[in-house]
Protein backbone atom coordinates (compact mmCIF):
# COMPACT_ATOMS: atom_id res chain seq x y z
CA MET A 1 -105.03 52.56 -45.78
CA ALA A 2 -106.11 48.50 -46.29
CA VAL A 3 -107.04 46.37 -42.93
CA VAL A 4 -104.43 44.20 -41.33
CA THR A 5 -106.03 41.31 -40.51
CA GLN A 6 -105.92 38.47 -37.76
CA ALA A 7 -104.95 35.87 -40.47
CA GLN A 8 -102.34 37.76 -41.98
CA VAL A 9 -100.61 38.10 -38.88
CA LEU A 10 -100.92 34.56 -38.05
CA ASP A 11 -99.69 33.49 -40.92
CA ALA A 12 -96.49 35.59 -40.80
CA LEU A 13 -96.33 34.26 -37.35
CA LYS A 14 -96.65 30.33 -38.67
CA LYS A 15 -92.86 31.27 -40.19
CA VAL A 16 -91.28 31.16 -36.10
CA ILE A 17 -90.32 28.18 -35.23
CA ASP A 18 -89.77 27.23 -31.27
CA PRO A 19 -86.00 25.42 -31.74
CA ASP A 20 -87.08 22.50 -29.04
CA LEU A 21 -90.16 21.75 -30.26
CA GLN A 22 -89.74 21.98 -33.98
CA ARG A 23 -93.31 23.64 -34.42
CA ASP A 24 -94.59 27.18 -35.64
CA ILE A 25 -95.69 29.77 -32.03
CA VAL A 26 -99.39 29.39 -33.59
CA ASP A 27 -99.57 26.28 -34.13
CA LEU A 28 -98.60 25.76 -30.40
CA GLY A 29 -100.58 28.45 -29.14
CA PHE A 30 -97.81 30.63 -28.11
CA VAL A 31 -99.65 33.64 -29.34
CA LYS A 32 -102.15 35.13 -26.98
CA ASP A 33 -104.38 38.62 -27.07
CA LEU A 34 -103.62 39.29 -30.47
CA HIS A 35 -104.75 42.94 -31.19
CA ILE A 36 -104.99 45.17 -34.66
CA GLU A 37 -105.88 48.86 -34.36
CA ASN A 38 -104.99 51.40 -37.98
CA GLY A 39 -102.13 49.43 -38.29
CA GLN A 40 -100.95 48.75 -35.02
CA VAL A 41 -100.20 45.09 -33.98
CA SER A 42 -99.82 43.70 -30.69
CA PHE A 43 -99.70 40.35 -28.62
CA LYS A 44 -97.89 38.43 -26.22
CA VAL A 45 -96.28 35.41 -26.65
CA GLU A 46 -96.27 32.62 -23.64
CA LEU A 47 -93.72 30.58 -23.42
CA THR A 48 -93.53 27.26 -21.73
CA THR A 49 -90.72 28.32 -19.07
CA PRO A 50 -89.66 31.68 -17.91
CA ALA A 51 -86.42 30.16 -18.10
CA CYS A 52 -86.31 30.00 -22.16
CA PRO A 53 -83.19 30.39 -23.47
CA ALA A 54 -84.54 31.17 -27.01
CA LYS A 55 -86.51 33.96 -25.23
CA GLU A 56 -85.03 36.88 -27.21
CA GLN A 57 -84.78 35.06 -30.73
CA LEU A 58 -88.38 34.05 -30.69
CA ARG A 59 -89.29 37.72 -29.98
CA ARG A 60 -87.17 39.18 -32.52
CA GLN A 61 -87.93 36.63 -35.43
CA ALA A 62 -91.67 37.48 -34.24
CA LEU A 63 -91.30 40.83 -34.59
CA ASP A 64 -89.55 40.96 -38.15
CA ALA A 65 -92.21 38.92 -39.25
CA VAL A 66 -95.28 41.35 -38.29
CA MET A 67 -93.22 43.93 -39.61
CA GLU A 68 -93.09 42.24 -42.85
CA VAL A 69 -96.99 41.95 -43.40
CA GLU A 70 -98.63 44.90 -45.86
CA ASN A 71 -99.90 47.50 -44.03
CA VAL A 72 -98.11 47.30 -40.44
CA GLN A 73 -97.26 50.26 -38.91
CA GLY A 74 -95.71 48.83 -35.24
CA VAL A 75 -95.62 45.80 -33.55
CA ASP A 76 -95.90 45.26 -29.49
CA ILE A 77 -94.96 41.59 -28.29
CA GLU A 78 -95.17 41.39 -24.58
CA MET A 79 -92.79 38.29 -24.22
CA THR A 80 -94.71 35.92 -21.26
CA SER A 81 -94.73 32.34 -19.53
CA LYS A 82 -96.77 29.47 -18.03
CA VAL A 83 -94.76 26.80 -17.07
CA ARG A 84 -96.81 23.55 -17.38
CA ALA A 85 -97.44 20.97 -15.37
CA SER A 86 -95.54 17.48 -15.68
CA PRO A 87 -97.91 15.14 -17.93
CA ARG A 88 -96.29 12.18 -15.45
CA ARG A 89 -98.34 10.80 -12.70
CA ALA A 90 -97.55 8.50 -9.65
CA ALA A 91 -99.97 6.01 -7.21
CA GLU A 92 -100.08 9.01 -4.93
CA ASN A 93 -98.99 12.84 -5.04
CA PHE A 94 -98.60 14.27 -1.86
CA ILE A 95 -97.35 18.17 -3.64
CA PRO A 96 -100.28 18.13 -6.23
CA LEU A 97 -99.37 22.28 -6.66
CA VAL A 98 -96.20 21.63 -7.70
CA LYS A 99 -95.70 21.78 -11.24
CA ASN A 100 -92.45 19.69 -11.81
CA VAL A 101 -89.98 17.98 -9.51
CA ILE A 102 -86.81 18.09 -10.77
CA ALA A 103 -84.69 15.52 -8.71
CA ILE A 104 -80.25 16.72 -8.49
CA ALA A 105 -78.90 12.56 -8.02
CA SER A 106 -75.16 11.27 -7.78
CA GLY A 107 -73.91 8.12 -7.55
CA LYS A 108 -71.11 8.88 -5.02
CA GLY A 109 -70.77 11.53 -2.56
CA GLY A 110 -68.58 14.31 -2.94
CA VAL A 111 -68.81 15.69 -6.68
CA GLY A 112 -70.64 18.68 -5.31
CA LYS A 113 -74.29 17.58 -6.04
CA SER A 114 -75.82 19.87 -3.31
CA THR A 115 -74.09 22.75 -4.65
CA THR A 116 -75.14 22.24 -8.33
CA ALA A 117 -78.73 21.95 -6.44
CA VAL A 118 -78.88 24.91 -4.63
CA ASN A 119 -77.43 27.12 -7.73
CA LEU A 120 -79.53 25.38 -9.99
CA ALA A 121 -82.50 26.11 -7.99
CA LEU A 122 -81.36 30.08 -7.93
CA ALA A 123 -81.11 30.39 -11.65
CA LEU A 124 -84.61 28.90 -12.07
CA ALA A 125 -85.44 31.36 -9.35
CA GLN A 126 -83.82 34.33 -10.99
CA THR A 127 -85.87 34.11 -14.05
CA GLY A 128 -89.18 34.54 -12.28
CA ALA A 129 -90.08 30.93 -11.91
CA ARG A 130 -91.77 30.00 -8.78
CA THR A 131 -88.74 27.81 -7.06
CA GLY A 132 -88.59 25.35 -4.09
CA ILE A 133 -85.68 23.28 -2.77
CA LEU A 134 -85.96 19.75 -0.41
CA ASP A 135 -83.24 18.69 1.22
CA ALA A 136 -83.70 15.06 1.11
CA ASP A 137 -80.26 14.21 2.03
CA ILE A 138 -81.57 12.84 5.72
CA TYR A 139 -78.03 11.48 6.70
CA GLY A 140 -76.29 14.67 6.18
CA PRO A 141 -78.27 17.93 5.43
CA SER A 142 -76.85 20.88 4.23
CA LEU A 143 -79.17 23.80 3.02
CA PRO A 144 -79.44 25.30 6.00
CA LYS A 145 -75.79 25.94 5.85
CA MET A 146 -75.45 26.66 2.21
CA LEU A 147 -78.30 29.23 2.52
CA ASN A 148 -78.12 30.74 6.04
CA VAL A 149 -81.12 30.34 6.77
CA GLU A 150 -81.50 30.83 10.50
CA ASN A 151 -85.17 31.04 10.94
CA LYS A 152 -86.47 27.75 11.03
CA PRO A 153 -89.72 27.04 9.86
CA GLN A 154 -91.78 26.90 12.82
CA ALA A 155 -95.26 24.82 12.64
CA GLU A 156 -98.80 25.76 14.28
CA GLU A 157 -100.58 22.69 15.69
CA GLY A 158 -102.36 21.00 12.83
CA LYS A 159 -101.17 23.01 9.89
CA ARG A 160 -98.70 22.13 7.89
CA ILE A 161 -95.24 23.36 8.18
CA PRO A 162 -94.11 26.86 6.45
CA PRO A 163 -91.05 26.00 4.53
CA ALA A 164 -87.62 28.54 4.71
CA GLU A 165 -87.95 31.48 2.63
CA ALA A 166 -84.17 31.97 1.33
CA PHE A 167 -83.26 34.34 -1.88
CA GLY A 168 -86.62 33.73 -3.56
CA LEU A 169 -86.51 30.15 -2.81
CA LYS A 170 -88.84 28.15 -0.73
CA VAL A 171 -85.96 25.83 1.36
CA MET A 172 -86.98 22.86 3.71
CA SER A 173 -84.57 20.01 5.27
CA MET A 174 -84.29 17.73 7.80
CA GLY A 175 -81.40 19.81 8.98
CA PHE A 176 -84.06 22.71 10.89
CA PHE A 177 -85.33 20.10 13.36
CA MET A 178 -81.78 18.62 14.63
CA ASP A 179 -78.74 20.19 16.14
CA GLU A 180 -75.78 20.60 13.98
CA ASP A 181 -73.84 18.29 15.75
CA THR A 182 -76.23 15.57 15.94
CA PRO A 183 -75.58 12.78 14.04
CA VAL A 184 -79.06 10.83 12.59
CA VAL A 185 -78.87 7.24 13.33
CA TRP A 186 -81.84 5.38 11.65
CA ARG A 187 -82.35 2.68 9.58
CA GLY A 188 -83.78 2.98 5.89
CA PRO A 189 -87.42 2.94 6.69
CA MET A 190 -87.41 5.73 8.89
CA VAL A 191 -85.35 7.83 6.22
CA GLY A 192 -88.49 7.37 3.94
CA MET A 193 -90.73 8.28 6.28
CA ALA A 194 -88.79 11.25 7.25
CA VAL A 195 -88.55 12.12 3.08
CA GLU A 196 -92.47 11.31 2.87
CA GLN A 197 -92.99 14.12 5.76
CA LEU A 198 -91.18 16.45 4.19
CA LEU A 199 -93.35 16.32 1.22
CA ARG A 200 -96.98 15.57 3.07
CA ASP A 201 -96.76 17.88 5.77
CA VAL A 202 -94.98 21.43 4.19
CA ASP A 203 -96.75 23.91 2.50
CA TRP A 204 -95.23 24.00 -0.36
CA GLY A 205 -97.94 25.71 -2.41
CA GLU A 206 -98.18 26.35 -5.95
CA LEU A 207 -94.50 25.95 -7.70
CA ASP A 208 -93.39 25.51 -11.09
CA TYR A 209 -90.16 23.96 -10.13
CA LEU A 210 -89.18 21.87 -6.77
CA VAL A 211 -85.61 21.02 -7.01
CA VAL A 212 -84.61 18.12 -5.19
CA ASP A 213 -81.60 17.06 -3.57
CA LEU A 214 -81.07 13.88 -3.27
CA PRO A 215 -78.43 11.72 -1.18
CA PRO A 216 -75.68 10.29 -2.90
CA GLY A 217 -76.36 6.50 -4.24
CA THR A 218 -79.51 4.50 -4.51
CA GLY A 219 -81.28 4.02 -1.93
CA ASP A 220 -84.13 4.81 0.51
CA ALA A 221 -84.80 8.67 0.02
CA GLN A 222 -84.88 7.74 -3.72
CA LEU A 223 -87.22 5.10 -4.03
CA THR A 224 -89.53 6.56 -1.84
CA LEU A 225 -89.60 10.20 -4.33
CA THR A 226 -89.71 8.39 -7.10
CA GLN A 227 -93.18 6.40 -5.11
CA LYS A 228 -95.00 10.03 -3.68
CA VAL A 229 -94.60 12.20 -6.66
CA PRO A 230 -94.67 11.96 -10.38
CA ILE A 231 -90.95 13.24 -10.94
CA THR A 232 -90.50 15.08 -14.10
CA GLY A 233 -86.72 13.92 -14.28
CA VAL A 234 -83.47 13.37 -12.59
CA VAL A 235 -80.27 15.03 -12.88
CA ILE A 236 -77.07 13.45 -12.76
CA VAL A 237 -74.05 15.07 -10.78
CA SER A 238 -71.06 13.75 -11.45
CA THR A 239 -66.73 14.55 -11.50
CA PRO A 240 -64.65 13.27 -14.34
CA GLN A 241 -62.99 10.64 -13.05
CA ASP A 242 -63.40 7.14 -13.42
CA VAL A 243 -64.46 6.16 -9.95
CA ALA A 244 -67.28 8.65 -10.10
CA LEU A 245 -68.38 7.76 -13.45
CA ALA A 246 -68.93 3.90 -12.54
CA ASP A 247 -71.19 5.09 -10.20
CA VAL A 248 -73.28 6.94 -12.27
CA LYS A 249 -73.71 3.74 -14.45
CA ARG A 250 -75.57 2.26 -11.08
CA GLY A 251 -77.78 5.30 -10.99
CA ILE A 252 -78.85 5.37 -14.36
CA ASN A 253 -80.02 1.88 -14.20
CA MET A 254 -82.21 2.26 -10.53
CA PHE A 255 -83.62 5.42 -12.12
CA ARG A 256 -84.13 3.06 -15.37
CA LYS A 257 -85.97 0.51 -12.94
CA VAL A 258 -88.48 3.18 -11.38
CA ASP A 259 -89.73 4.67 -14.79
CA ALA A 260 -87.73 8.06 -13.93
CA PRO A 261 -86.79 10.00 -17.11
CA ILE A 262 -83.35 11.07 -16.50
CA LEU A 263 -82.81 14.85 -18.38
CA GLY A 264 -79.36 14.28 -18.50
CA ILE A 265 -75.79 14.95 -16.98
CA ILE A 266 -73.85 17.44 -15.58
CA GLU A 267 -69.85 17.23 -15.11
CA ASN A 268 -68.63 19.09 -11.58
CA MET A 269 -65.38 19.88 -11.25
CA SER A 270 -64.61 19.42 -14.86
CA TYR A 271 -61.45 22.02 -14.88
CA PHE A 272 -59.52 24.35 -13.23
CA LEU A 273 -58.49 27.15 -14.90
CA CYS A 274 -55.89 29.58 -12.96
CA PRO A 275 -57.42 32.81 -11.98
CA SER A 276 -53.29 34.31 -12.19
CA CYS A 277 -52.19 32.95 -15.07
CA GLY A 278 -55.02 31.39 -17.16
CA HIS A 279 -53.59 28.11 -17.25
CA ARG A 280 -56.19 25.36 -16.99
CA ALA A 281 -55.44 22.36 -15.27
CA GLU A 282 -57.67 19.17 -16.05
CA ILE A 283 -57.32 17.90 -12.11
CA PHE A 284 -59.66 15.04 -12.09
CA SER A 285 -59.47 14.44 -16.18
CA HIS A 286 -61.99 15.72 -18.28
CA GLY A 287 -65.07 14.79 -20.65
CA GLY A 288 -65.96 11.97 -18.99
CA ALA A 289 -69.69 12.79 -18.12
CA ARG A 290 -69.69 13.92 -21.70
CA LYS A 291 -68.92 10.31 -23.49
CA GLN A 292 -71.36 8.85 -20.55
CA ALA A 293 -74.33 10.65 -21.40
CA ALA A 294 -73.40 9.79 -25.57
CA ALA A 295 -72.95 6.45 -24.63
CA TYR A 296 -76.32 5.92 -22.90
CA GLY A 297 -78.48 8.17 -25.14
CA LEU A 298 -78.58 11.16 -22.69
CA GLU A 299 -78.07 14.72 -23.11
CA PHE A 300 -74.88 16.47 -21.49
CA LEU A 301 -76.11 19.72 -20.07
CA GLY A 302 -72.79 21.12 -19.30
CA ASP A 303 -69.69 21.36 -17.24
CA ILE A 304 -69.22 23.45 -14.20
CA PRO A 305 -64.92 24.45 -13.59
CA LEU A 306 -63.76 23.65 -10.38
CA ASP A 307 -63.43 26.96 -8.45
CA GLY A 308 -62.84 28.37 -5.13
CA ALA A 309 -65.10 31.48 -5.26
CA ILE A 310 -67.95 28.00 -5.25
CA ARG A 311 -67.22 26.61 -2.41
CA ALA A 312 -65.93 29.75 -0.18
CA ASP A 313 -69.64 31.41 -1.37
CA ALA A 314 -71.11 27.96 -0.54
CA ASP A 315 -69.60 27.82 3.13
CA ALA A 316 -70.53 31.53 3.84
CA GLY A 317 -73.96 30.79 3.37
CA ILE A 318 -74.42 33.31 -0.01
CA PRO A 319 -74.12 31.32 -2.69
CA ILE A 320 -72.45 31.84 -6.05
CA MET A 321 -75.57 33.00 -7.82
CA ILE A 322 -75.96 35.53 -5.35
CA ALA A 323 -72.13 36.53 -4.04
CA HIS A 324 -71.16 36.92 -8.34
CA PRO A 325 -74.29 37.19 -10.29
CA ASP A 326 -71.72 38.12 -13.61
CA SER A 327 -69.00 35.70 -13.44
CA PRO A 328 -68.71 32.99 -15.65
CA GLN A 329 -69.70 30.56 -13.24
CA THR A 330 -72.92 31.53 -12.51
CA GLN A 331 -73.59 32.30 -16.48
CA LYS A 332 -72.38 28.08 -16.64
CA TYR A 333 -75.67 27.90 -14.05
CA ARG A 334 -77.52 29.77 -16.08
CA GLU A 335 -77.33 28.41 -18.92
CA ILE A 336 -77.49 24.60 -17.54
CA ALA A 337 -80.87 25.90 -16.14
CA ALA A 338 -82.47 27.10 -19.01
CA ARG A 339 -81.65 23.55 -20.69
CA ILE A 340 -83.24 21.63 -18.15
CA ALA A 341 -86.62 24.27 -18.40
CA ALA A 342 -86.91 23.39 -22.02
CA ILE A 343 -86.30 19.93 -21.80
CA ILE A 344 -88.78 19.86 -18.95
CA ALA A 345 -91.06 22.00 -21.49
CA THR A 346 -91.26 19.43 -24.31
CA MET A 347 -92.24 16.92 -22.44
CA GLY A 348 -96.11 18.42 -22.14
CA PHE A 349 -96.38 18.29 -26.00
CA GLU A 350 -96.66 15.23 -28.59
CA ARG A 351 -93.35 15.44 -30.17
CA PRO A 352 -90.73 15.74 -27.38
CA THR A 353 -87.06 16.31 -28.77
CA PHE A 354 -84.87 14.96 -25.61
CA PRO A 355 -83.67 11.64 -26.21
CA GLU A 356 -85.11 8.67 -25.02
CA ILE A 357 -82.70 6.83 -22.33
CA VAL A 358 -81.29 3.86 -23.63
CA VAL A 359 -79.36 1.84 -20.80
CA GLU A 360 -76.81 -1.25 -22.51
C-alpha cells in the first residue's frame, strides 16, 4: 500500500476555510499533532474559542477533505480550543491572567443589561471556557441575587479575595460586602476606587473571559475600567424604543473616545410572543437597535424577546440558561455568546473581519 504523507494531508486541509478569519486552518496553525499510520490519519483542530459556532462545520469539512486523499483508510479528528489573549494593552492591568474582558454596557437603566450579562457569561461557561463575571454596578449591585450566591467571599489577611462561584462562574460584586437594604451614598471618585479594588484585590486566577456588568450610562465605573484593564470589547444592550436608542449614541461616542472597541449591539425586549396563541406583539417597537448598528457600522449581535420566564428565573436566582436550558430564549443567548466569541477570536490575527467603528 502506498504511504500517505503529511504533505498530502496538510494540502487537503488547506481547502478548509475558517468562516470568520477567511483563511485556511493550516495557515492559521489550527492543525496540531498530525499522525499517520497504515492509512489511518489522526490530528487535532485547535480553535480559538470553545464557543466557535462553526466547530461542527469545520470538523465535517476537515474529515471530508482528508478522506479524499488517496490511500487514506480512516480519519480521527479531535476538536480542541485555546482562547487567545486580547492583543490590546493598557497602561495598568490589574488582571494579567484574564485573557479577555467583555464589558456589557447600556446607555440607560431598565433595559435588561444585568440579565443579559449573566446569561451571556453562563453561555460562554457552558462551552467549557473559564469564565467570570464582575458586577461593576456599585450603586445597584444585582448579581448576588440573580445568581443566588449565599456564601459571601471571605478574605484572609494579607491575601487577595477569592471570588464566589455559581453555576460554573467566578463571581464578584460589591453586593457581597453590604446589606441589601443599605444605599451606597458615594461621590464619583469613590465609585472608581471600588471598581479598582474589585479588579486588583480579587484573585480571579486564569480566565478566558471576564464579563463585566457595567452600571448604566457613562461615568466613573466605565472610565476606571478602561484605564485599569485592557478591555477586549464592549457589548451595548438596548431596547428598541427611541429613548433608549438615543442613549446608545452617547455610549458609542464615549467608548470611542476612550479607545474601547465595540463588539456590537443587542436588542433586548425586542418583541413579545404570546405563549397561548403565538401572537407576536412589538411592545417597545422593533428593529431600532439593528438600524442603529447599521448606521454606526457596528455588528448587530441579535435580539432577545420580552419573556416572563427570563425575569422570573432571574428573580429566583436561577437564570434561564440553567432553569430552562432547552428554551428558545436560551438558544438566543447561546447564539449571541458564540458570535461575540467569534468576533473576539478574530482580534488576534492580522486580518480581522469585524466591522470598524464609525461614529458620525
